[in-house]
Amino acid sequence: MADLTAAEARVLSAVDATWATDRLARLVAVPSVGGTAAEAEVQHLVADWLDELGCDVDRWPIDLAAAAAAPDAPGQEVDRDEAWGVVGTLPGVDGGDPALVFCGHTDVVPPGDRDRWTGDPFVPRISGGELHGRGACDMKGGLVSALAALAAIRTAGVRLARPVALHAVVGEEDGGLGAWATLVRGHRGDACVIPEPTHGSVTTAAAGALTFRLRVHGAAAHAAMRDRGVSAVELFAALHADLLAFEAERQLGADPRFGEARYPFGLSIGTVHAGDWASTVPDLLVAEGRYGVRLGEPVAVAQQALTGRVAAFCSGHPWLSAHPVEVDWTGGSFASGELTPGSELLPEVRAALADVGAGPVPERAVAAGTDLRLYAAAGIPTLHYGPGDLNLAHAPAERVPLAEVVTAARAFALLTLRRCGTA
C-alpha cells in the first residue's frame, strides 16, 4: 500500500464490514422488482440511511407523466404507479457542486423460476463468504459499497472540503428513468462512479441497447391444406436467419475493450407469439427482441440499420415484398456511452484500488446498456467499478462476495477523500 495521509488511514480503518453486510442483507430483503410498490419502498429505506449518515437528502416523487412525454426520456418497459428519486449529499465546507458522485440503482429484475433457486431469492443468505439473493450483485452490493464509504468518512470524523453525493435511482433495468429524472432535477457533479459489478475491471464504455417488435403477416388456412396458407412462423424463421447474419456483420471492428465478448452489439429475440389455433396456419407472428447499439452510433442510425435490413429482406421475398414486416421501437432506449477521453477519473480510481491492495485493474467495455450513457451525455465523466460478476446478474445463482463489497468501499472512501479534499 502507498503512504496514506492520517485522514485516509483513519477512514480506511473505519470501513465496517459488519455494517455493510447488514445493510446489504436488508436491501436484498426488499423485493424491489421494477414497477412494484417495493421499488418505492427501497428508495425510502436508502433515503433514511443517507439521512442517518448526515447527508442533505433530496427525496422527491418522479413525475411519471412528464417522463412519458419528454422527448429525451429513456422510456420504460414496465408500468409504474409511483417512482421516487433520492439524492444524499455529504456537505463540504467549501460548498459548490459535488466533486464526486456515486450512482446506484435499487431496482431489480424478477427472480424467474423460483424452483431454480436454492432458497427464497428475497431472503438473503450468506454462504462461502458470499451473500446470495436477487439484486445482491446487480447492484445492491455496489450501492452498499458507496454507502459504507460515506459511513466510514462520518465515523472517522473527517470533514470534506467539497461535497460528495450518492444518487439512488430506479428504473435502470428498463431504461434509466431514475438517473434521467435525477439529472433533470439538476443534480450534477464533477465525476461519477457507478458501482455496477465489473469483476475486477474498470468499465469505461457501455454499448447501447434498444427493444423492438416485429409483426410478421402470413395467410391463414386449415392445417390439413397448409399449402393454401402462408405460415407467419415460417416467414419469421427465414427473416430470423437473415437477422443473425446482420448481427454478425455488426460485430466486426468492435472496440478492443470488449475483449473476448462474442456479441458486444448482439441482437436477440426474447419473445415470440404466433397463431390462435393448433389446426390453423398462423397468419400473424409478433416477436420482441433486444438490439445492440455500437459505441458512438446514434440511436437513430442504429434503428435505421435494423429497419433497413428488414425492409431489404422483405423486398426480395415473394410474399413479404407485398406484405412487409412491421418494425416498432418499444420500451427502454439505451444509447451507448463512454468515459470522456483523457479523464483523470480512470487513473484516480486505479490508484485508489492499488492503495487498498486490489492489484492491477484492466479497462473494459460492457455490452449491456447502463446509466453511464446518461451521465456521460450530461458532460459528467463516468465509469463503472463495483463488486461482483455481471455474469451472475439476472441469474438464479446471483450473489456477491462480501470481501469485494468491502474492498470497493475502501477504494471509494480513498477516492472521495482525494477528489473532494479534506478540511
Protein backbone atom coordinates (compact mmCIF):
# COMPACT_ATOMS: atom_id res chain seq x y z
CA MET A 1 0.00 0.00 0.00
CA ALA A 2 1.13 3.55 -0.70
CA ASP A 3 1.82 6.02 2.08
CA LEU A 4 -1.54 7.28 3.32
CA THR A 5 -2.39 10.55 4.99
CA ALA A 6 -3.60 10.40 8.56
CA ALA A 7 -7.15 11.12 7.39
CA GLU A 8 -7.01 8.37 4.78
CA ALA A 9 -5.71 5.81 7.26
CA ARG A 10 -8.39 6.79 9.75
CA VAL A 11 -11.17 6.45 7.19
CA LEU A 12 -9.94 3.08 5.93
CA SER A 13 -9.89 1.79 9.48
CA ALA A 14 -13.48 2.95 9.87
CA VAL A 15 -14.86 0.89 6.96
CA ASP A 16 -17.13 -1.53 8.78
CA ALA A 17 -17.66 -4.92 7.10
CA THR A 18 -20.39 -5.87 9.58
CA TRP A 19 -22.28 -2.65 8.89
CA ALA A 20 -22.01 -3.22 5.14
CA THR A 21 -23.20 -6.83 5.38
CA ASP A 22 -26.19 -5.83 7.46
CA ARG A 23 -27.21 -3.06 5.08
CA LEU A 24 -26.80 -5.31 2.05
CA ALA A 25 -28.94 -8.04 3.59
CA ARG A 26 -31.65 -5.51 4.41
CA LEU A 27 -31.62 -4.17 0.85
CA VAL A 28 -31.81 -7.61 -0.73
CA ALA A 29 -34.75 -8.47 1.55
CA VAL A 30 -36.79 -5.74 -0.16
CA PRO A 31 -38.19 -7.31 -3.37
CA SER A 32 -37.73 -4.13 -5.41
CA VAL A 33 -38.68 -5.52 -8.81
CA GLY A 34 -39.18 -2.75 -11.34
CA GLY A 35 -42.76 -1.46 -11.36
CA THR A 36 -43.74 -2.89 -7.96
CA ALA A 37 -44.52 -0.99 -4.76
CA ALA A 38 -41.25 -2.29 -3.29
CA GLU A 39 -39.32 -0.25 -5.86
CA ALA A 40 -40.51 2.85 -3.99
CA GLU A 41 -40.08 1.19 -0.59
CA VAL A 42 -36.38 0.52 -1.11
CA GLN A 43 -35.77 4.13 -2.16
CA HIS A 44 -37.24 5.40 1.10
CA LEU A 45 -35.05 2.96 3.02
CA VAL A 46 -31.90 4.28 1.32
CA ALA A 47 -33.04 7.87 1.88
CA ASP A 48 -33.43 7.19 5.60
CA TRP A 49 -29.92 5.74 5.78
CA LEU A 50 -28.46 8.73 3.96
CA ASP A 51 -30.17 10.98 6.48
CA GLU A 52 -28.62 8.96 9.33
CA LEU A 53 -25.20 9.47 7.72
CA GLY A 54 -25.56 13.25 7.94
CA CYS A 55 -26.34 13.83 4.27
CA ASP A 56 -28.59 16.53 2.93
CA VAL A 57 -31.32 14.37 1.40
CA ASP A 58 -33.45 15.26 -1.60
CA ARG A 59 -36.35 12.81 -1.85
CA TRP A 60 -39.00 13.52 -4.47
CA PRO A 61 -41.75 11.76 -6.46
CA ILE A 62 -40.79 11.46 -10.10
CA ASP A 63 -43.38 12.95 -12.43
CA LEU A 64 -44.20 9.87 -14.50
CA ALA A 65 -46.47 11.76 -16.87
CA ALA A 66 -43.71 14.22 -17.68
CA ALA A 67 -41.26 11.37 -18.13
CA ALA A 68 -43.61 9.68 -20.58
CA ALA A 69 -43.95 12.87 -22.65
CA ALA A 70 -40.35 14.16 -22.57
CA PRO A 71 -38.59 13.67 -25.92
CA ASP A 72 -35.26 12.84 -24.25
CA ALA A 73 -36.66 10.41 -21.66
CA PRO A 74 -35.23 6.89 -21.94
CA GLY A 75 -38.59 5.09 -21.94
CA GLN A 76 -39.91 2.35 -19.68
CA GLU A 77 -40.74 -1.31 -20.12
CA VAL A 78 -42.90 -1.74 -17.02
CA ASP A 79 -45.93 0.13 -15.67
CA ARG A 80 -45.41 2.22 -12.54
CA ASP A 81 -47.89 3.87 -10.21
CA GLU A 82 -45.12 5.80 -8.48
CA ALA A 83 -41.37 6.28 -8.57
CA TRP A 84 -39.04 8.16 -6.24
CA GLY A 85 -35.74 9.88 -6.72
CA VAL A 86 -33.24 10.04 -3.86
CA VAL A 87 -30.01 12.01 -3.62
CA GLY A 88 -27.93 12.27 -0.47
CA THR A 89 -25.16 14.87 -0.37
CA LEU A 90 -22.47 14.82 2.30
CA PRO A 91 -21.61 18.52 2.60
CA GLY A 92 -18.20 20.07 2.14
CA VAL A 93 -17.05 23.15 3.99
CA ASP A 94 -16.34 24.96 0.72
CA GLY A 95 -19.75 24.13 -0.77
CA GLY A 96 -20.31 24.01 -4.51
CA ASP A 97 -21.26 21.06 -6.66
CA PRO A 98 -20.12 17.62 -5.55
CA ALA A 99 -16.60 16.76 -6.64
CA LEU A 100 -17.70 13.13 -6.89
CA VAL A 101 -20.99 11.30 -7.40
CA PHE A 102 -21.82 7.66 -6.82
CA CYS A 103 -24.90 6.40 -8.66
CA GLY A 104 -26.54 3.10 -7.80
CA HIS A 105 -29.84 1.61 -8.91
CA THR A 106 -32.08 -0.12 -6.40
CA ASP A 107 -34.49 -1.81 -8.81
CA VAL A 108 -34.03 -5.47 -9.67
CA VAL A 109 -35.34 -7.86 -12.31
CA PRO A 110 -37.89 -10.57 -11.42
CA PRO A 111 -36.45 -13.75 -9.89
CA GLY A 112 -37.78 -16.01 -12.65
CA ASP A 113 -38.40 -19.68 -11.91
CA ARG A 114 -38.10 -19.89 -8.13
CA ASP A 115 -37.55 -23.65 -8.33
CA ARG A 116 -34.12 -22.91 -9.77
CA TRP A 117 -33.10 -21.02 -6.63
CA THR A 118 -31.63 -22.85 -3.64
CA GLY A 119 -33.76 -20.63 -1.40
CA ASP A 120 -36.15 -17.70 -1.47
CA PRO A 121 -34.48 -15.10 -3.73
CA PHE A 122 -35.53 -12.32 -1.37
CA VAL A 123 -34.35 -13.98 1.81
CA PRO A 124 -30.63 -13.16 1.80
CA ARG A 125 -28.26 -15.86 2.95
CA ILE A 126 -24.51 -15.99 3.36
CA SER A 127 -22.55 -18.98 2.12
CA GLY A 128 -18.85 -19.26 1.35
CA GLY A 129 -18.26 -15.58 2.06
CA GLU A 130 -20.90 -14.52 -0.48
CA LEU A 131 -24.32 -13.01 0.05
CA HIS A 132 -26.96 -14.67 -2.15
CA GLY A 133 -30.22 -13.14 -3.34
CA ARG A 134 -31.83 -11.25 -6.18
CA GLY A 135 -30.10 -7.90 -6.57
CA ALA A 136 -27.10 -8.79 -4.39
CA CYS A 137 -24.77 -8.46 -7.38
CA ASP A 138 -26.82 -6.20 -9.66
CA MET A 139 -26.34 -3.87 -7.97
CA LYS A 140 -27.19 -3.54 -4.30
CA GLY A 141 -23.71 -4.76 -3.35
CA GLY A 142 -22.16 -1.83 -5.19
CA LEU A 143 -24.63 0.64 -3.72
CA VAL A 144 -23.74 -0.58 -0.23
CA SER A 145 -20.03 -0.13 -1.03
CA ALA A 146 -20.70 3.55 -1.68
CA LEU A 147 -22.85 3.86 1.45
CA ALA A 148 -20.15 2.17 3.53
CA ALA A 149 -17.57 4.64 2.21
CA LEU A 150 -19.73 7.59 3.32
CA ALA A 151 -20.33 5.90 6.67
CA ALA A 152 -16.58 5.48 7.20
CA ILE A 153 -15.92 9.15 6.47
CA ARG A 154 -18.54 10.15 9.01
CA THR A 155 -17.33 7.65 11.63
CA ALA A 156 -13.74 8.83 11.24
CA GLY A 157 -14.82 12.41 11.82
CA VAL A 158 -13.24 13.65 8.59
CA ARG A 159 -14.74 16.80 7.10
CA LEU A 160 -14.68 17.17 3.34
CA ALA A 161 -13.67 20.36 1.56
CA ARG A 162 -16.15 19.73 -1.27
CA PRO A 163 -19.34 17.67 -1.23
CA VAL A 164 -19.79 14.07 -2.31
CA ALA A 165 -23.20 12.79 -3.43
CA LEU A 166 -24.94 9.46 -3.77
CA HIS A 167 -27.71 9.14 -6.34
CA ALA A 168 -30.06 6.22 -5.60
CA VAL A 169 -32.09 5.61 -8.74
CA VAL A 170 -34.87 3.34 -10.00
CA GLY A 171 -35.80 2.06 -13.43
CA GLU A 172 -32.26 1.31 -14.56
CA GLU A 173 -33.20 -2.20 -15.64
CA ASP A 174 -35.84 -0.94 -18.07
CA GLY A 175 -34.33 2.22 -19.49
CA GLY A 176 -32.87 4.57 -16.88
CA LEU A 177 -35.86 6.52 -15.59
CA GLY A 178 -34.31 7.31 -12.20
CA ALA A 179 -30.94 8.56 -13.47
CA TRP A 180 -32.67 10.64 -16.14
CA ALA A 181 -35.02 12.20 -13.56
CA THR A 182 -32.12 12.89 -11.19
CA LEU A 183 -30.18 14.76 -13.87
CA VAL A 184 -33.30 16.64 -14.99
CA ARG A 185 -33.77 17.76 -11.38
CA GLY A 186 -30.37 19.43 -11.59
CA HIS A 187 -28.14 17.10 -9.60
CA ARG A 188 -24.64 17.16 -11.05
CA GLY A 189 -21.03 16.53 -10.10
CA ASP A 190 -17.50 16.75 -11.46
CA ALA A 191 -17.26 12.98 -11.98
CA CYS A 192 -19.35 9.87 -11.38
CA VAL A 193 -18.64 6.28 -10.41
CA ILE A 194 -21.42 3.74 -10.95
CA PRO A 195 -20.59 0.64 -8.86
CA GLU A 196 -22.13 -1.93 -11.17
CA PRO A 197 -20.46 -5.37 -10.93
CA THR A 198 -17.26 -5.27 -13.02
CA HIS A 199 -15.46 -8.46 -11.88
CA GLY A 200 -12.18 -6.79 -11.01
CA SER A 201 -12.03 -4.45 -14.00
CA VAL A 202 -12.89 -0.81 -14.63
CA THR A 203 -15.56 -0.33 -17.30
CA THR A 204 -15.15 2.85 -19.32
CA ALA A 205 -17.65 2.22 -22.11
CA ALA A 206 -21.07 0.65 -22.50
CA ALA A 207 -22.84 -0.35 -25.67
CA GLY A 208 -26.40 0.75 -26.16
CA ALA A 209 -29.50 -1.43 -26.34
CA LEU A 210 -32.92 -0.94 -27.90
CA THR A 211 -36.07 -3.03 -27.69
CA PHE A 212 -38.09 -3.69 -30.83
CA ARG A 213 -41.20 -5.51 -32.02
CA LEU A 214 -41.67 -7.33 -35.33
CA ARG A 215 -45.10 -8.09 -36.80
CA VAL A 216 -44.97 -10.76 -39.50
CA HIS A 217 -48.13 -11.25 -41.58
CA GLY A 218 -48.99 -14.52 -43.32
CA ALA A 219 -52.26 -16.00 -44.58
CA ALA A 220 -54.48 -18.37 -42.59
CA ALA A 221 -55.67 -21.72 -43.86
CA HIS A 222 -56.78 -25.08 -42.50
CA ALA A 223 -53.73 -27.01 -41.37
CA ALA A 224 -54.84 -30.02 -43.44
CA MET A 225 -54.29 -27.83 -46.52
CA ARG A 226 -51.43 -25.73 -45.24
CA ASP A 227 -50.09 -25.18 -48.76
CA ARG A 228 -53.06 -22.87 -49.31
CA GLY A 229 -51.89 -20.63 -46.48
CA VAL A 230 -48.67 -18.78 -45.69
CA SER A 231 -47.25 -19.50 -42.26
CA ALA A 232 -46.08 -16.44 -40.36
CA VAL A 233 -43.85 -18.80 -38.35
CA GLU A 234 -42.03 -19.99 -41.46
CA LEU A 235 -41.67 -16.41 -42.70
CA PHE A 236 -40.17 -15.39 -39.38
CA ALA A 237 -37.74 -18.32 -39.47
CA ALA A 238 -36.34 -17.09 -42.77
CA LEU A 239 -36.18 -13.49 -41.54
CA HIS A 240 -34.51 -14.55 -38.31
CA ALA A 241 -31.73 -16.31 -40.23
CA ASP A 242 -31.04 -13.08 -42.09
CA LEU A 243 -31.07 -11.09 -38.85
CA LEU A 244 -28.42 -13.41 -37.41
CA ALA A 245 -26.22 -12.67 -40.42
CA PHE A 246 -26.90 -8.96 -39.86
CA GLU A 247 -25.89 -9.35 -36.22
CA ALA A 248 -22.59 -10.98 -37.21
CA GLU A 249 -21.79 -8.09 -39.55
CA ARG A 250 -22.32 -5.55 -36.76
CA GLN A 251 -19.73 -7.19 -34.52
CA LEU A 252 -16.89 -6.53 -36.98
CA GLY A 253 -14.33 -3.98 -35.77
CA ALA A 254 -15.66 -3.87 -32.20
CA ASP A 255 -13.66 -1.84 -29.69
CA PRO A 256 -10.87 -3.99 -28.17
CA ARG A 257 -12.12 -3.10 -24.69
CA PHE A 258 -14.88 -5.65 -25.25
CA GLY A 259 -12.20 -8.34 -25.09
CA GLU A 260 -13.49 -11.80 -25.89
CA ALA A 261 -17.17 -10.85 -25.86
CA ARG A 262 -18.72 -12.54 -28.91
CA TYR A 263 -21.67 -10.19 -29.24
CA PRO A 264 -20.91 -6.71 -27.91
CA PHE A 265 -23.78 -5.44 -30.06
CA GLY A 266 -25.97 -8.52 -30.01
CA LEU A 267 -29.43 -8.99 -31.48
CA SER A 268 -31.63 -11.38 -29.53
CA ILE A 269 -35.27 -12.38 -29.91
CA GLY A 270 -36.82 -12.59 -26.44
CA THR A 271 -40.48 -13.39 -27.07
CA VAL A 272 -42.39 -14.96 -29.95
CA HIS A 273 -46.19 -15.27 -30.17
CA ALA A 274 -48.00 -16.75 -33.16
CA GLY A 275 -51.34 -18.24 -34.09
CA ASP A 276 -54.51 -18.82 -32.12
CA TRP A 277 -55.43 -22.42 -33.06
CA ALA A 278 -53.29 -25.53 -33.49
CA SER A 279 -55.08 -26.60 -36.69
CA THR A 280 -54.81 -23.24 -38.41
CA VAL A 281 -51.85 -21.94 -40.39
CA PRO A 282 -50.80 -18.87 -38.33
CA ASP A 283 -51.37 -15.59 -40.11
CA LEU A 284 -49.62 -13.36 -37.57
CA LEU A 285 -46.42 -13.64 -35.58
CA VAL A 286 -45.28 -11.00 -33.12
CA ALA A 287 -41.69 -11.14 -31.90
CA GLU A 288 -39.92 -8.82 -29.48
CA GLY A 289 -36.20 -8.51 -29.04
CA ARG A 290 -33.17 -6.59 -27.90
CA TYR A 291 -30.77 -4.91 -30.31
CA GLY A 292 -27.29 -3.62 -29.51
CA VAL A 293 -26.11 -0.10 -30.38
CA ARG A 294 -22.45 0.27 -31.34
CA LEU A 295 -20.18 2.65 -29.42
CA GLY A 296 -20.63 6.17 -30.73
CA GLU A 297 -23.52 5.17 -33.01
CA PRO A 298 -26.53 7.48 -32.72
CA VAL A 299 -29.71 5.65 -31.72
CA ALA A 300 -31.50 6.86 -34.86
CA VAL A 301 -28.72 5.44 -37.05
CA ALA A 302 -28.89 2.08 -35.26
CA GLN A 303 -32.66 2.00 -35.70
CA GLN A 304 -32.37 2.77 -39.40
CA ALA A 305 -29.82 -0.01 -39.83
CA LEU A 306 -32.26 -2.61 -38.48
CA THR A 307 -35.37 -1.30 -40.22
CA GLY A 308 -33.40 -1.04 -43.46
CA ARG A 309 -32.21 -4.62 -43.17
CA VAL A 310 -35.74 -5.90 -42.55
CA ALA A 311 -37.05 -3.84 -45.47
CA ALA A 312 -34.32 -5.16 -47.76
CA PHE A 313 -35.11 -8.74 -46.82
CA CYS A 314 -38.81 -8.21 -47.43
CA SER A 315 -38.25 -6.57 -50.81
CA GLY A 316 -36.53 -9.72 -52.10
CA HIS A 317 -39.12 -12.15 -50.76
CA PRO A 318 -42.07 -13.28 -52.93
CA TRP A 319 -44.65 -12.88 -50.13
CA LEU A 320 -43.13 -10.26 -47.85
CA SER A 321 -42.49 -7.85 -50.71
CA ALA A 322 -46.27 -7.33 -50.80
CA HIS A 323 -46.79 -7.88 -47.05
CA PRO A 324 -43.75 -6.27 -45.39
CA VAL A 325 -42.80 -6.93 -41.80
CA GLU A 326 -43.60 -4.06 -39.45
CA VAL A 327 -40.88 -2.84 -37.06
CA ASP A 328 -41.76 -0.84 -33.96
CA TRP A 329 -39.47 0.50 -31.24
CA THR A 330 -40.80 -0.20 -27.78
CA GLY A 331 -39.74 0.02 -24.13
CA GLY A 332 -36.41 1.35 -22.93
CA SER A 333 -33.84 3.05 -25.10
CA PHE A 334 -30.18 2.85 -24.11
CA ALA A 335 -27.72 4.88 -26.15
CA SER A 336 -24.06 3.93 -25.92
CA GLY A 337 -21.74 5.86 -23.62
CA GLU A 338 -18.04 6.28 -22.82
CA LEU A 339 -15.81 7.89 -20.25
CA THR A 340 -14.52 11.22 -21.50
CA PRO A 341 -11.17 10.54 -23.24
CA GLY A 342 -8.26 11.70 -21.12
CA SER A 343 -10.34 11.98 -17.95
CA GLU A 344 -8.37 11.85 -14.72
CA LEU A 345 -11.08 9.66 -13.18
CA LEU A 346 -9.67 6.40 -14.58
CA PRO A 347 -6.14 6.79 -13.12
CA GLU A 348 -7.62 8.09 -9.86
CA VAL A 349 -9.84 5.03 -9.48
CA ARG A 350 -6.95 2.73 -10.34
CA ALA A 351 -4.70 4.46 -7.79
CA ALA A 352 -7.31 4.12 -5.05
CA LEU A 353 -7.75 0.42 -5.85
CA ALA A 354 -4.00 -0.15 -5.83
CA ASP A 355 -3.73 1.58 -2.46
CA VAL A 356 -6.24 -0.81 -0.90
CA GLY A 357 -4.45 -3.83 -2.38
CA ALA A 358 -6.84 -4.56 -5.26
CA GLY A 359 -4.00 -5.18 -7.71
CA PRO A 360 -3.91 -4.40 -11.47
CA VAL A 361 -7.28 -3.36 -12.82
CA PRO A 362 -7.85 -3.80 -16.59
CA GLU A 363 -10.01 -1.43 -18.61
CA ARG A 364 -13.07 -2.99 -20.21
CA ALA A 365 -16.25 -2.19 -22.11
CA VAL A 366 -19.60 -3.84 -21.37
CA ALA A 367 -22.16 -4.99 -23.90
CA ALA A 368 -25.10 -4.03 -21.66
CA GLY A 369 -26.86 -0.69 -21.69
CA THR A 370 -26.28 1.22 -18.44
CA ASP A 371 -26.86 4.58 -16.78
CA LEU A 372 -23.30 5.55 -17.73
CA ARG A 373 -24.55 6.98 -21.01
CA LEU A 374 -26.92 9.41 -19.26
CA TYR A 375 -24.21 10.92 -17.06
CA ALA A 376 -21.71 10.98 -19.93
CA ALA A 377 -24.28 12.72 -22.14
CA ALA A 378 -24.69 15.34 -19.39
CA GLY A 379 -20.95 16.07 -19.61
CA ILE A 380 -20.02 14.18 -16.44
CA PRO A 381 -17.01 11.85 -16.78
CA THR A 382 -18.34 8.46 -15.68
CA LEU A 383 -17.10 4.89 -15.31
CA HIS A 384 -18.14 1.63 -13.67
CA TYR A 385 -16.33 -0.16 -10.89
CA GLY A 386 -18.06 -2.39 -8.38
CA PRO A 387 -18.15 -5.74 -6.60
CA GLY A 388 -19.41 -8.92 -8.21
CA ASP A 389 -19.52 -10.59 -11.61
CA LEU A 390 -22.04 -9.33 -14.16
CA ASN A 391 -22.37 -12.89 -15.48
CA LEU A 392 -24.28 -13.71 -12.27
CA ALA A 393 -26.73 -10.83 -12.65
CA HIS A 394 -30.30 -11.78 -13.57
CA ALA A 395 -29.46 -15.43 -12.78
CA PRO A 396 -30.82 -17.77 -10.10
CA ALA A 397 -27.31 -18.07 -8.65
CA GLU A 398 -27.00 -14.31 -8.11
CA ARG A 399 -24.55 -13.47 -5.33
CA VAL A 400 -21.75 -11.08 -4.42
CA PRO A 401 -18.52 -11.74 -2.48
CA LEU A 402 -18.65 -9.71 0.72
CA ALA A 403 -14.88 -9.18 0.61
CA GLU A 404 -15.33 -7.40 -2.74
CA VAL A 405 -18.03 -5.16 -1.26
CA VAL A 406 -15.60 -4.11 1.47
CA THR A 407 -12.68 -3.62 -0.95
CA ALA A 408 -14.83 -1.39 -3.13
CA ALA A 409 -15.95 0.59 -0.06
CA ARG A 410 -12.34 1.17 0.95
CA ALA A 411 -11.38 2.29 -2.55
CA PHE A 412 -14.43 4.57 -2.75
CA ALA A 413 -13.51 6.12 0.60
CA LEU A 414 -10.00 6.95 -0.64
CA LEU A 415 -11.31 8.25 -3.95
CA THR A 416 -13.77 10.50 -2.12
CA LEU A 417 -11.09 12.00 0.13
CA ARG A 418 -8.77 12.62 -2.80
CA ARG A 419 -11.34 14.13 -5.12
CA CYS A 420 -13.22 16.16 -2.52
CA GLY A 421 -10.27 17.09 -0.31
CA THR A 422 -10.31 17.41 3.46
CA ALA A 423 -10.90 20.45 5.61
